[in-house]
Amino acid sequence: MAGDNKVQKIAIDIGYGDTKVMVGDKIFKFASAIEKKKEAQADYQDNSDDVYEFGGKKYTVGDKALTNAVSTRGFNFLVKYSPLIIFHAIKMAGLDTSKPIQLVTGLSIVNWQEREQFTNAIKTINVNNEVIEPKIKLMAQGQGIYLDYDGEKTEGDVCIVDIGYNTFDFLVFTDGKPRQDLSYATKKGANEIITELQTKIKKRFQFDASEQVAKKIFINKSIEIYGENTDLTDEIEDAKKDYAEFVIDELRSQRGDLLKVAKKVIFSGGGAYFLDDVEILKKTPNVTFSSKPYEFANVRGYYNG
């Protein structure tokens, strides 16, 4: 039947903290965590849904890989492990890997010069001896947020402040067209808070928390050591305030004049949760936030744009 080969569309926003996925009206996320399995573990867990063979080695992907995850920082992580993460997302979404797949994904403008290297890494995905060759559409990180914003195409300058885990992306659209000359990105994402928290945990508890474990502690606002739960709400709130101040100072120093004349300044990404109750932003007329959940704005725009 002709319908059997209908292209299956999936949008995947691979973040350094979490990977966000959209298929149809379904959205979900999982930790961008990869754990290399030792031989004994690999034999024992061969039938697990989260364990895959990739490049001759066995890996756990997603939330079950959090404890011993490799570091997710850096573009090399994306190039090396994106095929695994995409395969895991496709499986979780329930797509048929024997039929055509259209993949819409994004890349931070920090790494935009290396986009060919990234697309080459994911154009043929070979995991568990299954080969997928998706049709790829690549967008700039933050472009999805622009497309997601009520579908409204505002004339003039629209600024996107996309605060991810590892990157802070500032994008500008003039009359709907991206302006690379005015856009920029830094590697000062929300992980700055996690790094600060890791330092505090090590100093106070003599415990080396991985990035992913520290992120979990951050979300729970507490840590359990030797079965005893310790509340860390005050320390975490202080870290959030420090980061909010950094973001505002950074925007003022880099693009202060542009922010004054922009029609809209749209904040989004997982880091936007740290800023949506900041008084100075609430009082600024052209500042707004994407629809919640903020972290899914990019992937919604990728899928629907």
Protein backbone atom coordinates (compact mmCIF):
# COMPACT_ATOMS: atom_id res chain seq x y z
CA MET A 1 0.00 0.00 0.00
CA ALA A 2 1.19 3.54 -0.75
CA GLY A 3 0.55 4.64 2.83
CA ASP A 4 3.09 2.13 4.12
CA ASN A 5 5.98 4.38 3.07
CA LYS A 6 4.61 7.60 4.51
CA VAL A 7 7.46 9.67 5.95
CA GLN A 8 7.54 9.66 9.76
CA LYS A 9 8.46 13.09 11.11
CA ILE A 10 10.35 13.51 14.38
CA ALA A 11 11.86 16.64 15.94
CA ILE A 12 14.75 16.18 18.36
CA ASP A 13 16.42 18.95 20.37
CA ILE A 14 19.62 17.40 21.72
CA GLY A 15 20.64 19.41 24.75
CA TYR A 16 23.71 18.83 26.90
CA GLY A 17 21.37 18.21 29.83
CA ASP A 18 18.23 16.70 28.32
CA THR A 19 17.07 15.64 24.89
CA LYS A 20 13.60 16.87 23.97
CA VAL A 21 11.48 15.01 21.41
CA MET A 22 8.25 15.70 19.54
CA VAL A 23 6.26 13.31 17.33
CA GLY A 24 2.70 14.21 16.36
CA ASP A 25 1.12 15.70 19.49
CA LYS A 26 3.45 13.77 21.81
CA ILE A 27 6.39 15.46 23.55
CA PHE A 28 8.84 13.88 25.98
CA LYS A 29 12.40 14.20 27.20
CA PHE A 30 15.18 12.06 28.63
CA ALA A 31 18.62 12.73 30.05
CA SER A 32 21.35 13.20 27.43
CA ALA A 33 23.35 10.61 29.33
CA ILE A 34 25.56 7.88 27.88
CA GLU A 35 27.20 5.13 29.92
CA LYS A 36 29.67 2.69 28.39
CA LYS A 37 28.92 -0.82 29.65
CA LYS A 38 31.61 -3.16 30.94
CA GLU A 39 31.63 -6.66 29.44
CA ALA A 40 29.94 -8.33 32.43
CA GLN A 41 27.27 -5.62 32.57
CA ALA A 42 26.70 -5.83 28.83
CA ASP A 43 26.08 -9.60 28.97
CA TYR A 44 23.73 -9.24 31.93
CA GLN A 45 21.72 -6.37 30.47
CA ASP A 46 21.65 -7.38 26.80
CA ASN A 47 17.86 -7.36 26.63
CA SER A 48 17.32 -3.98 28.30
CA ASP A 49 15.44 -1.42 26.20
CA ASP A 50 18.04 1.22 27.08
CA VAL A 51 21.18 -0.76 26.13
CA TYR A 52 22.44 -0.49 22.57
CA GLU A 53 25.37 -1.75 20.51
CA PHE A 54 27.14 1.09 18.74
CA GLY A 55 30.57 1.04 17.14
CA GLY A 56 31.29 -2.41 18.55
CA LYS A 57 30.58 -1.37 22.15
CA LYS A 58 27.53 -1.53 24.42
CA TYR A 59 26.04 1.63 25.90
CA THR A 60 23.16 2.58 28.15
CA VAL A 61 21.33 5.71 27.00
CA GLY A 62 19.02 8.07 28.86
CA ASP A 63 17.90 8.26 32.47
CA LYS A 64 19.33 4.84 33.41
CA ALA A 65 22.81 6.04 32.41
CA LEU A 66 22.87 8.96 34.87
CA THR A 67 25.06 7.43 37.59
CA ASN A 68 28.15 6.71 35.47
CA ALA A 69 27.51 9.01 32.51
CA VAL A 70 30.35 10.35 30.41
CA SER A 71 30.72 14.13 30.53
CA THR A 72 28.21 15.81 28.21
CA ARG A 73 30.21 18.97 27.70
CA GLY A 74 31.61 19.89 24.34
CA PHE A 75 30.78 19.57 20.68
CA ASN A 76 32.73 16.30 20.43
CA PHE A 77 30.10 14.66 22.66
CA LEU A 78 27.41 15.65 20.15
CA VAL A 79 29.35 14.39 17.15
CA LYS A 80 30.25 11.08 18.79
CA TYR A 81 27.01 10.20 20.57
CA SER A 82 24.17 11.96 18.71
CA PRO A 83 23.51 8.84 16.59
CA LEU A 84 22.88 6.88 19.81
CA ILE A 85 20.68 9.59 21.33
CA ILE A 86 18.67 9.96 18.11
CA PHE A 87 18.23 6.18 17.85
CA HIS A 88 17.01 6.04 21.47
CA ALA A 89 14.56 8.90 20.78
CA ILE A 90 13.24 7.16 17.65
CA LYS A 91 12.71 3.93 19.60
CA MET A 92 10.99 5.76 22.48
CA ALA A 93 8.75 7.54 19.98
CA GLY A 94 7.70 4.18 18.55
CA LEU A 95 8.73 4.92 14.96
CA ASP A 96 9.25 2.12 12.45
CA THR A 97 12.96 2.19 11.54
CA SER A 98 12.30 0.24 8.34
CA LYS A 99 10.27 3.15 6.93
CA PRO A 100 11.33 6.69 5.90
CA ILE A 101 12.08 9.15 8.72
CA GLN A 102 12.38 12.93 8.54
CA LEU A 103 14.51 14.32 11.35
CA VAL A 104 14.34 18.00 12.29
CA THR A 105 17.02 19.02 14.76
CA GLY A 106 19.14 22.00 15.76
CA LEU A 107 22.66 23.14 16.55
CA SER A 108 23.89 26.07 18.62
CA ILE A 109 25.42 28.93 16.66
CA VAL A 110 28.48 28.36 18.89
CA ASN A 111 29.02 25.27 16.72
CA TRP A 112 27.38 26.47 13.50
CA GLN A 113 30.71 26.46 11.62
CA GLU A 114 30.93 22.72 12.33
CA ARG A 115 27.39 21.94 11.18
CA GLU A 116 28.61 19.79 8.27
CA GLN A 117 30.59 17.62 10.70
CA PHE A 118 27.45 17.24 12.82
CA THR A 119 25.13 16.34 9.92
CA ASN A 120 27.71 13.87 8.57
CA ALA A 121 27.70 12.14 11.95
CA ILE A 122 23.93 11.60 11.91
CA LYS A 123 23.11 11.07 8.24
CA THR A 124 23.66 7.32 8.62
CA ILE A 125 22.78 5.89 12.04
CA ASN A 126 23.94 2.32 12.67
CA VAL A 127 22.86 1.00 16.08
CA ASN A 128 22.01 -2.60 17.03
CA ASN A 129 22.80 -3.49 13.40
CA GLU A 130 19.82 -1.36 12.32
CA VAL A 131 20.69 1.30 9.76
CA ILE A 132 18.62 4.50 9.57
CA GLU A 133 19.27 7.20 6.97
CA PRO A 134 16.96 10.05 7.98
CA LYS A 135 16.18 13.04 5.82
CA ILE A 136 17.73 15.82 7.93
CA LYS A 137 16.57 19.40 8.36
CA LEU A 138 18.96 21.42 10.56
CA MET A 139 17.98 24.66 12.27
CA ALA A 140 19.89 27.09 14.48
CA GLN A 141 19.30 26.56 18.19
CA GLY A 142 16.68 29.13 19.16
CA GLN A 143 15.06 29.24 15.73
CA GLY A 144 12.47 26.78 16.99
CA ILE A 145 11.55 29.21 19.77
CA TYR A 146 10.92 31.95 17.21
CA LEU A 147 8.71 29.63 15.14
CA ASP A 148 6.90 28.37 18.25
CA TYR A 149 6.00 31.81 19.60
CA ASP A 150 2.25 31.74 18.95
CA GLY A 151 3.07 31.33 15.29
CA GLU A 152 3.17 35.13 15.30
CA LYS A 153 5.55 36.75 12.80
CA THR A 154 6.27 40.16 14.30
CA GLU A 155 7.73 42.80 11.99
CA GLY A 156 10.96 44.48 13.01
CA ASP A 157 13.57 42.96 15.31
CA VAL A 158 12.69 39.98 17.50
CA CYS A 159 15.35 38.73 19.92
CA ILE A 160 15.46 35.17 21.23
CA VAL A 161 17.28 34.42 24.49
CA ASP A 162 17.63 30.64 24.58
CA ILE A 163 19.21 29.49 27.82
CA GLY A 164 20.20 25.86 27.52
CA TYR A 165 22.23 23.67 29.80
CA ASN A 166 25.61 24.25 28.17
CA THR A 167 25.00 27.25 25.91
CA PHE A 168 23.39 30.66 26.08
CA ASP A 169 22.17 31.58 22.59
CA PHE A 170 21.03 35.04 21.54
CA LEU A 171 19.34 35.13 18.13
CA VAL A 172 17.90 38.04 16.20
CA PHE A 173 15.23 37.91 13.50
CA THR A 174 14.48 40.98 11.39
CA ASP A 175 11.11 40.77 9.62
CA GLY A 176 11.23 37.02 10.10
CA LYS A 177 14.74 36.49 8.70
CA PRO A 178 17.62 35.30 10.93
CA ARG A 179 20.43 37.81 11.43
CA GLN A 180 23.66 35.96 12.01
CA ASP A 181 25.56 39.26 12.21
CA LEU A 182 23.58 40.28 15.30
CA SER A 183 23.29 36.84 16.89
CA TYR A 184 25.85 35.34 19.24
CA ALA A 185 26.26 32.55 21.74
CA THR A 186 28.40 31.77 24.75
CA LYS A 187 29.18 28.60 26.65
CA LYS A 188 27.74 30.10 29.83
CA GLY A 189 24.54 28.09 30.00
CA ALA A 190 22.58 26.99 33.05
CA ASN A 191 25.36 24.48 33.77
CA GLU A 192 27.13 27.40 35.49
CA ILE A 193 24.68 26.83 38.35
CA ILE A 194 25.34 23.08 38.33
CA THR A 195 29.12 23.61 38.36
CA GLU A 196 28.79 25.94 41.34
CA LEU A 197 26.59 23.36 43.08
CA GLN A 198 29.15 20.59 42.42
CA THR A 199 31.82 22.71 44.13
CA LYS A 200 29.59 23.37 47.15
CA ILE A 201 28.66 19.67 47.45
CA LYS A 202 32.30 18.59 47.33
CA LYS A 203 33.30 21.15 49.95
CA ARG A 204 30.42 20.41 52.31
CA PHE A 205 29.97 16.64 51.89
CA GLN A 206 33.32 15.48 50.42
CA PHE A 207 31.28 13.95 47.60
CA ASP A 208 32.22 14.20 43.91
CA ALA A 209 28.83 14.52 42.23
CA SER A 210 28.80 14.06 38.45
CA GLU A 211 27.11 16.76 36.36
CA GLN A 212 24.01 14.62 35.92
CA VAL A 213 23.80 13.70 39.64
CA ALA A 214 24.28 17.37 40.61
CA LYS A 215 21.49 18.28 38.20
CA LYS A 216 19.19 15.82 39.96
CA ILE A 217 20.16 17.31 43.34
CA PHE A 218 19.41 20.76 41.92
CA ILE A 219 15.93 19.68 40.79
CA ASN A 220 15.15 17.97 44.13
CA LYS A 221 16.74 20.84 46.13
CA SER A 222 18.20 18.26 48.50
CA ILE A 223 20.94 15.66 48.76
CA GLU A 224 20.92 12.25 50.41
CA ILE A 225 24.21 11.15 51.98
CA TYR A 226 24.40 7.89 53.96
CA GLY A 227 20.60 7.79 53.93
CA GLU A 228 20.27 11.23 55.50
CA ASN A 229 18.44 13.92 53.51
CA THR A 230 19.83 17.48 53.64
CA ASP A 231 17.86 20.46 52.33
CA LEU A 232 19.82 22.68 49.91
CA THR A 233 17.05 25.13 48.98
CA ASP A 234 18.91 28.25 50.18
CA GLU A 235 22.14 27.38 48.37
CA ILE A 236 20.27 26.63 45.16
CA GLU A 237 18.16 29.81 45.29
CA ASP A 238 21.35 31.87 45.78
CA ALA A 239 22.94 30.20 42.76
CA LYS A 240 19.84 30.89 40.64
CA LYS A 241 19.86 34.59 41.59
CA ASP A 242 23.56 34.86 40.73
CA TYR A 243 22.93 33.33 37.32
CA ALA A 244 19.92 35.58 36.62
CA GLU A 245 22.09 38.63 37.37
CA PHE A 246 24.80 37.29 35.05
CA VAL A 247 22.31 36.84 32.17
CA ILE A 248 20.90 40.35 32.55
CA ASP A 249 24.39 41.91 32.77
CA GLU A 250 25.55 39.87 29.77
CA LEU A 251 22.62 41.02 27.62
CA ARG A 252 23.06 44.65 28.61
CA SER A 253 26.77 44.66 27.81
CA GLN A 254 26.51 42.71 24.53
CA ARG A 255 23.24 43.91 22.98
CA GLY A 256 21.86 46.63 25.25
CA ASP A 257 20.89 49.08 22.48
CA LEU A 258 19.24 46.39 20.37
CA LEU A 259 17.16 45.16 23.32
CA LYS A 260 15.78 48.68 23.79
CA VAL A 261 14.39 48.89 20.23
CA ALA A 262 13.39 45.24 19.67
CA LYS A 263 9.69 44.57 19.18
CA LYS A 264 9.94 41.43 21.30
CA VAL A 265 12.59 39.78 23.47
CA ILE A 266 11.55 36.17 24.01
CA PHE A 267 13.17 34.16 26.80
CA SER A 268 13.07 30.39 26.65
CA GLY A 269 14.99 27.16 27.21
CA GLY A 270 15.36 25.29 30.49
CA GLY A 271 17.25 28.22 32.02
CA ALA A 272 14.24 30.52 31.55
CA TYR A 273 12.70 29.06 34.72
CA PHE A 274 15.41 30.92 36.67
CA LEU A 275 14.36 34.24 35.17
CA ASP A 276 10.57 34.32 34.84
CA ASP A 277 10.11 35.77 38.32
CA VAL A 278 12.90 38.37 38.05
CA GLU A 279 11.29 41.75 38.72
CA ILE A 280 13.29 43.81 36.20
CA LEU A 281 12.22 41.50 33.36
CA LYS A 282 8.58 41.51 34.47
CA LYS A 283 8.57 45.32 34.25
CA THR A 284 10.14 45.49 30.76
CA PRO A 285 7.29 45.88 28.20
CA ASN A 286 8.94 44.12 25.25
CA VAL A 287 10.13 41.12 27.30
CA THR A 288 8.06 37.96 27.16
CA PHE A 289 8.53 34.22 27.66
CA SER A 290 7.68 31.33 25.38
CA SER A 291 4.85 28.98 26.29
CA LYS A 292 5.61 26.50 29.05
CA PRO A 293 7.21 24.04 29.29
CA TYR A 294 10.03 26.37 28.21
CA GLU A 295 12.46 23.56 27.47
CA PHE A 296 10.15 22.18 24.75
CA ALA A 297 9.76 25.47 22.82
CA ASN A 298 12.61 24.70 20.42
CA VAL A 299 11.41 21.21 19.59
CA ARG A 300 7.82 22.42 19.15
CA GLY A 301 9.06 25.01 16.65
CA TYR A 302 11.29 22.49 14.89
CA TYR A 303 8.34 20.15 14.44
CA ASN A 304 5.65 22.65 13.51
CA GLY A 305 7.79 25.24 11.71
